C-alpha cells in the first residue's frame, strides 16, 4: 500500500465535494495557489523526503511517488494538481517534526 497515493485519492474526493458548494471553485483555486512552494521550501522538502526514505519513515515507493510529484524543478511541483500539493505538504509537515540522524 502506498500511503501517498491513498491520501491523494481521499483528498481528490474531498475536493470534489468542495467543488459542489457555492464558491467551491474559488476555494480550491485559493488553496491551489497557497500550496505553491518557494525555492527554499522545495529544496528542503526534497531533502526531508530523502531522509525519510533512508530512515524508514517512507517506503521507497512512497518516496518515489513524492519525487514524481515534486519533479526536478520548482515549476513542476507548483504545476501539480492541488490534491498532490496538499498531500505532499502535509507529509513533509509531519516529517519535519521527526528528528533524523544525519
N, C-alpha and C. Protein backbone atom coordinates (compact mmCIF):
# COMPACT_ATOMS: atom_id res chain seq x y z
N UNK A 1 0.83 -1.18 0.00
CA UNK A 1 0.00 0.00 0.00
C UNK A 1 0.88 1.25 0.00
N UNK A 2 0.59 2.16 -0.87
CA UNK A 2 1.30 3.43 -0.96
C UNK A 2 0.44 4.50 -0.27
N UNK A 3 0.89 4.94 0.89
CA UNK A 3 0.11 5.90 1.67
C UNK A 3 -0.05 7.24 0.95
N UNK A 4 0.90 7.57 0.10
CA UNK A 4 0.83 8.84 -0.63
C UNK A 4 -0.30 8.80 -1.65
N UNK A 5 -0.36 7.75 -2.45
CA UNK A 5 -1.41 7.66 -3.46
C UNK A 5 -2.78 7.51 -2.81
N UNK A 6 -2.85 6.81 -1.69
CA UNK A 6 -4.13 6.69 -0.97
C UNK A 6 -4.59 8.05 -0.45
N UNK A 7 -3.67 8.83 0.10
CA UNK A 7 -4.01 10.17 0.60
C UNK A 7 -4.44 11.09 -0.53
N UNK A 8 -3.79 10.97 -1.68
CA UNK A 8 -4.18 11.79 -2.83
C UNK A 8 -5.60 11.45 -3.26
N UNK A 9 -5.90 10.17 -3.32
CA UNK A 9 -7.25 9.74 -3.72
C UNK A 9 -8.29 10.33 -2.77
N UNK A 10 -8.07 10.24 -1.46
CA UNK A 10 -9.02 10.78 -0.48
C UNK A 10 -9.13 12.31 -0.59
N UNK A 11 -8.01 12.96 -0.83
CA UNK A 11 -8.02 14.42 -0.96
C UNK A 11 -8.77 14.84 -2.21
N UNK A 12 -8.58 14.11 -3.31
CA UNK A 12 -9.32 14.41 -4.53
C UNK A 12 -10.82 14.27 -4.31
N UNK A 13 -11.23 13.26 -3.54
CA UNK A 13 -12.65 13.06 -3.23
C UNK A 13 -13.19 14.24 -2.42
N UNK A 14 -12.40 14.71 -1.46
CA UNK A 14 -12.82 15.87 -0.65
C UNK A 14 -12.93 17.13 -1.51
N UNK A 15 -12.00 17.29 -2.43
CA UNK A 15 -12.04 18.45 -3.32
C UNK A 15 -13.30 18.43 -4.17
N UNK A 16 -13.68 17.25 -4.65
CA UNK A 16 -14.90 17.14 -5.45
C UNK A 16 -16.13 17.56 -4.64
N UNK A 17 -16.15 17.27 -3.37
CA UNK A 17 -17.24 17.70 -2.50
C UNK A 17 -17.25 19.22 -2.38
N UNK A 18 -16.08 19.80 -2.16
CA UNK A 18 -15.97 21.25 -2.03
C UNK A 18 -16.41 21.93 -3.33
N UNK A 19 -16.03 21.36 -4.46
CA UNK A 19 -16.38 21.96 -5.75
C UNK A 19 -17.89 22.03 -5.98
N UNK A 20 -18.65 21.22 -5.28
CA UNK A 20 -20.11 21.22 -5.44
C UNK A 20 -20.79 22.31 -4.60
N UNK A 21 -20.01 23.00 -3.78
CA UNK A 21 -20.58 24.04 -2.92
C UNK A 21 -20.49 25.39 -3.64
N UNK A 22 -21.33 26.34 -3.18
CA UNK A 22 -21.20 27.69 -3.74
C UNK A 22 -19.79 28.21 -3.46
N UNK A 23 -19.20 28.85 -4.38
CA UNK A 23 -17.83 29.39 -4.34
C UNK A 23 -16.77 28.31 -4.09
N UNK A 24 -17.12 27.05 -4.35
CA UNK A 24 -16.18 25.95 -4.17
C UNK A 24 -14.96 26.07 -5.06
N UNK A 25 -15.17 26.46 -6.31
CA UNK A 25 -14.03 26.61 -7.23
C UNK A 25 -13.07 27.68 -6.74
N UNK A 26 -13.61 28.78 -6.23
CA UNK A 26 -12.76 29.85 -5.71
C UNK A 26 -11.94 29.35 -4.51
N UNK A 27 -12.56 28.54 -3.66
CA UNK A 27 -11.84 27.99 -2.50
C UNK A 27 -10.72 27.06 -2.94
N UNK A 28 -11.01 26.22 -3.92
CA UNK A 28 -9.99 25.29 -4.42
C UNK A 28 -8.86 26.05 -5.09
N UNK A 29 -9.21 27.07 -5.89
CA UNK A 29 -8.19 27.88 -6.56
C UNK A 29 -7.29 28.59 -5.55
N UNK A 30 -7.90 29.12 -4.48
CA UNK A 30 -7.12 29.80 -3.43
C UNK A 30 -6.17 28.82 -2.74
N UNK A 31 -6.69 27.63 -2.45
CA UNK A 31 -5.86 26.60 -1.82
C UNK A 31 -4.71 26.21 -2.75
N UNK A 32 -5.02 26.03 -4.03
CA UNK A 32 -4.01 25.65 -5.01
C UNK A 32 -2.87 26.66 -5.03
N UNK A 33 -3.20 27.93 -5.11
CA UNK A 33 -2.16 28.97 -5.14
C UNK A 33 -1.39 29.00 -3.82
N UNK A 34 -2.11 28.79 -2.71
CA UNK A 34 -1.46 28.79 -1.41
C UNK A 34 -0.51 27.62 -1.19
N UNK A 35 -0.67 26.57 -1.97
CA UNK A 35 0.18 25.39 -1.84
C UNK A 35 1.45 25.47 -2.68
N UNK A 36 1.56 26.52 -3.50
CA UNK A 36 2.80 26.68 -4.27
C UNK A 36 3.98 26.83 -3.31
N UNK A 37 5.04 26.13 -3.59
CA UNK A 37 6.24 26.17 -2.74
C UNK A 37 7.21 27.24 -3.22
N UNK A 38 8.04 27.71 -2.31
CA UNK A 38 9.15 28.58 -2.67
C UNK A 38 10.35 27.70 -2.99
N UNK A 39 11.38 28.31 -3.53
CA UNK A 39 12.58 27.54 -3.86
C UNK A 39 13.19 26.90 -2.62
N UNK A 40 13.30 27.65 -1.53
CA UNK A 40 13.91 27.09 -0.31
C UNK A 40 13.06 25.96 0.27
N UNK A 41 11.74 26.10 0.22
CA UNK A 41 10.87 25.01 0.68
C UNK A 41 11.07 23.78 -0.19
N UNK A 42 11.10 23.98 -1.49
CA UNK A 42 11.25 22.87 -2.43
C UNK A 42 12.52 22.07 -2.13
N UNK A 43 13.62 22.76 -1.95
CA UNK A 43 14.90 22.09 -1.68
C UNK A 43 14.84 21.35 -0.34
N UNK A 44 14.31 21.99 0.67
CA UNK A 44 14.20 21.37 2.00
C UNK A 44 13.28 20.15 1.94
N UNK A 45 12.18 20.25 1.21
CA UNK A 45 11.24 19.13 1.10
C UNK A 45 11.88 17.93 0.43
N UNK A 46 12.69 18.18 -0.59
CA UNK A 46 13.38 17.07 -1.26
C UNK A 46 14.33 16.38 -0.27
N UNK A 47 15.03 17.19 0.51
CA UNK A 47 15.97 16.63 1.50
C UNK A 47 15.22 15.81 2.55
N UNK A 48 14.14 16.36 3.08
CA UNK A 48 13.36 15.67 4.12
C UNK A 48 12.79 14.36 3.57
N UNK A 49 12.29 14.41 2.34
CA UNK A 49 11.73 13.20 1.71
C UNK A 49 12.80 12.12 1.62
N UNK A 50 14.00 12.48 1.20
CA UNK A 50 15.08 11.51 1.08
C UNK A 50 15.49 10.94 2.44
N UNK A 51 15.59 11.81 3.43
CA UNK A 51 15.92 11.34 4.78
C UNK A 51 14.85 10.40 5.33
N UNK A 52 13.60 10.69 5.01
CA UNK A 52 12.50 9.84 5.48
C UNK A 52 12.58 8.44 4.86
N UNK A 53 12.98 8.36 3.61
CA UNK A 53 13.12 7.05 2.96
C UNK A 53 14.29 6.30 3.57
N UNK A 54 15.42 6.96 3.70
CA UNK A 54 16.62 6.32 4.25
C UNK A 54 16.37 5.81 5.67
N UNK A 55 15.58 6.55 6.44
CA UNK A 55 15.33 6.20 7.83
C UNK A 55 14.04 5.40 8.04
N UNK A 56 13.43 4.94 6.95
CA UNK A 56 12.29 4.05 7.05
C UNK A 56 10.96 4.68 7.41
N UNK A 57 10.86 6.00 7.37
CA UNK A 57 9.60 6.68 7.65
C UNK A 57 8.67 6.64 6.43
N UNK A 58 9.27 6.57 5.25
CA UNK A 58 8.54 6.39 3.99
C UNK A 58 9.14 5.18 3.29
N UNK A 59 8.30 4.45 2.57
CA UNK A 59 8.84 3.36 1.75
C UNK A 59 9.52 3.97 0.54
N UNK A 60 10.33 3.18 -0.13
CA UNK A 60 10.96 3.65 -1.37
C UNK A 60 9.89 4.05 -2.38
N UNK A 61 8.83 3.24 -2.47
CA UNK A 61 7.74 3.56 -3.41
C UNK A 61 7.09 4.90 -3.07
N UNK A 62 6.85 5.15 -1.79
CA UNK A 62 6.25 6.42 -1.38
C UNK A 62 7.20 7.58 -1.67
N UNK A 63 8.47 7.38 -1.40
CA UNK A 63 9.46 8.42 -1.71
C UNK A 63 9.52 8.72 -3.20
N UNK A 64 9.42 7.68 -4.01
CA UNK A 64 9.44 7.88 -5.46
C UNK A 64 8.15 8.56 -5.93
N UNK A 65 7.04 8.26 -5.28
CA UNK A 65 5.79 8.94 -5.62
C UNK A 65 5.91 10.43 -5.33
N UNK A 66 6.44 10.76 -4.17
CA UNK A 66 6.63 12.17 -3.81
C UNK A 66 7.61 12.82 -4.79
N UNK A 67 8.69 12.13 -5.10
CA UNK A 67 9.65 12.69 -6.06
C UNK A 67 8.98 12.94 -7.41
N UNK A 68 8.14 12.01 -7.84
CA UNK A 68 7.43 12.19 -9.11
C UNK A 68 6.53 13.41 -9.09
N UNK A 69 5.91 13.67 -7.96
CA UNK A 69 5.06 14.85 -7.82
C UNK A 69 5.91 16.10 -7.79
N UNK A 70 7.01 16.06 -7.06
CA UNK A 70 7.86 17.23 -6.94
C UNK A 70 8.67 17.49 -8.21
N UNK A 71 9.04 16.42 -8.89
CA UNK A 71 9.83 16.58 -10.11
C UNK A 71 11.21 17.12 -9.80
N UNK A 72 11.85 17.62 -10.83
CA UNK A 72 13.20 18.16 -10.61
C UNK A 72 13.26 19.67 -10.76
N UNK A 73 12.09 20.31 -10.76
CA UNK A 73 12.06 21.77 -10.76
C UNK A 73 10.92 22.26 -9.88
N UNK A 74 11.08 23.43 -9.35
CA UNK A 74 10.03 24.07 -8.56
C UNK A 74 8.77 24.26 -9.39
N UNK A 75 8.96 24.65 -10.63
CA UNK A 75 7.82 24.88 -11.52
C UNK A 75 7.01 23.61 -11.73
N UNK A 76 7.70 22.47 -11.79
CA UNK A 76 6.99 21.20 -11.95
C UNK A 76 6.07 20.97 -10.76
N UNK A 77 6.61 21.12 -9.56
CA UNK A 77 5.79 20.91 -8.36
C UNK A 77 4.63 21.89 -8.32
N UNK A 78 4.91 23.17 -8.53
CA UNK A 78 3.86 24.18 -8.44
C UNK A 78 2.78 24.00 -9.50
N UNK A 79 3.07 23.26 -10.56
CA UNK A 79 2.09 22.99 -11.60
C UNK A 79 1.26 21.75 -11.37
N UNK A 80 1.49 21.06 -10.27
CA UNK A 80 0.77 19.82 -9.97
C UNK A 80 -0.67 20.13 -9.53
N UNK A 81 -1.56 19.15 -9.64
CA UNK A 81 -2.92 19.33 -9.14
C UNK A 81 -2.91 19.64 -7.64
N UNK A 82 -3.91 20.38 -7.20
CA UNK A 82 -3.96 20.82 -5.81
C UNK A 82 -3.92 19.65 -4.83
N UNK A 83 -4.58 18.55 -5.12
CA UNK A 83 -4.58 17.40 -4.20
C UNK A 83 -3.16 16.88 -4.00
N UNK A 84 -2.38 16.85 -5.05
CA UNK A 84 -1.00 16.37 -4.95
C UNK A 84 -0.17 17.30 -4.06
N UNK A 85 -0.32 18.61 -4.27
CA UNK A 85 0.45 19.56 -3.48
C UNK A 85 0.04 19.53 -2.01
N UNK A 86 -1.25 19.41 -1.74
CA UNK A 86 -1.73 19.36 -0.36
C UNK A 86 -1.16 18.14 0.35
N UNK A 87 -1.21 16.99 -0.29
CA UNK A 87 -0.72 15.76 0.34
C UNK A 87 0.78 15.82 0.59
N UNK A 88 1.55 16.26 -0.39
CA UNK A 88 3.00 16.36 -0.19
C UNK A 88 3.31 17.34 0.94
N UNK A 89 2.66 18.48 0.95
CA UNK A 89 2.91 19.47 2.01
C UNK A 89 2.56 18.91 3.38
N UNK A 90 1.47 18.17 3.48
CA UNK A 90 1.07 17.57 4.76
C UNK A 90 2.09 16.53 5.22
N UNK A 91 2.51 15.68 4.30
CA UNK A 91 3.51 14.65 4.65
C UNK A 91 4.81 15.31 5.09
N UNK A 92 5.26 16.28 4.35
CA UNK A 92 6.51 16.96 4.70
C UNK A 92 6.37 17.66 6.05
N UNK A 93 5.23 18.28 6.28
CA UNK A 93 4.99 18.94 7.57
C UNK A 93 5.12 17.95 8.72
N UNK A 94 4.54 16.78 8.55
CA UNK A 94 4.63 15.75 9.58
C UNK A 94 6.07 15.25 9.74
N UNK A 95 6.77 15.11 8.63
CA UNK A 95 8.15 14.63 8.69
C UNK A 95 9.09 15.66 9.32
N UNK A 96 8.77 16.94 9.17
CA UNK A 96 9.61 17.99 9.75
C UNK A 96 9.65 17.90 11.27
N UNK A 97 8.64 17.29 11.86
CA UNK A 97 8.61 17.11 13.32
C UNK A 97 9.47 15.92 13.75
N UNK A 98 9.98 15.16 12.79
CA UNK A 98 10.80 13.99 13.08
C UNK A 98 12.27 14.37 13.13
N UNK A 99 12.96 13.83 14.09
CA UNK A 99 14.42 14.05 14.18
C UNK A 99 15.11 12.92 13.44
N UNK A 100 15.80 13.26 12.37
CA UNK A 100 16.52 12.25 11.57
C UNK A 100 17.99 12.30 11.88
N UNK A 101 18.62 11.15 12.02
CA UNK A 101 20.09 11.16 12.14
C UNK A 101 20.69 11.55 10.80
N UNK A 102 21.77 12.22 10.80
CA UNK A 102 22.40 12.64 9.55
C UNK A 102 23.70 11.93 9.33
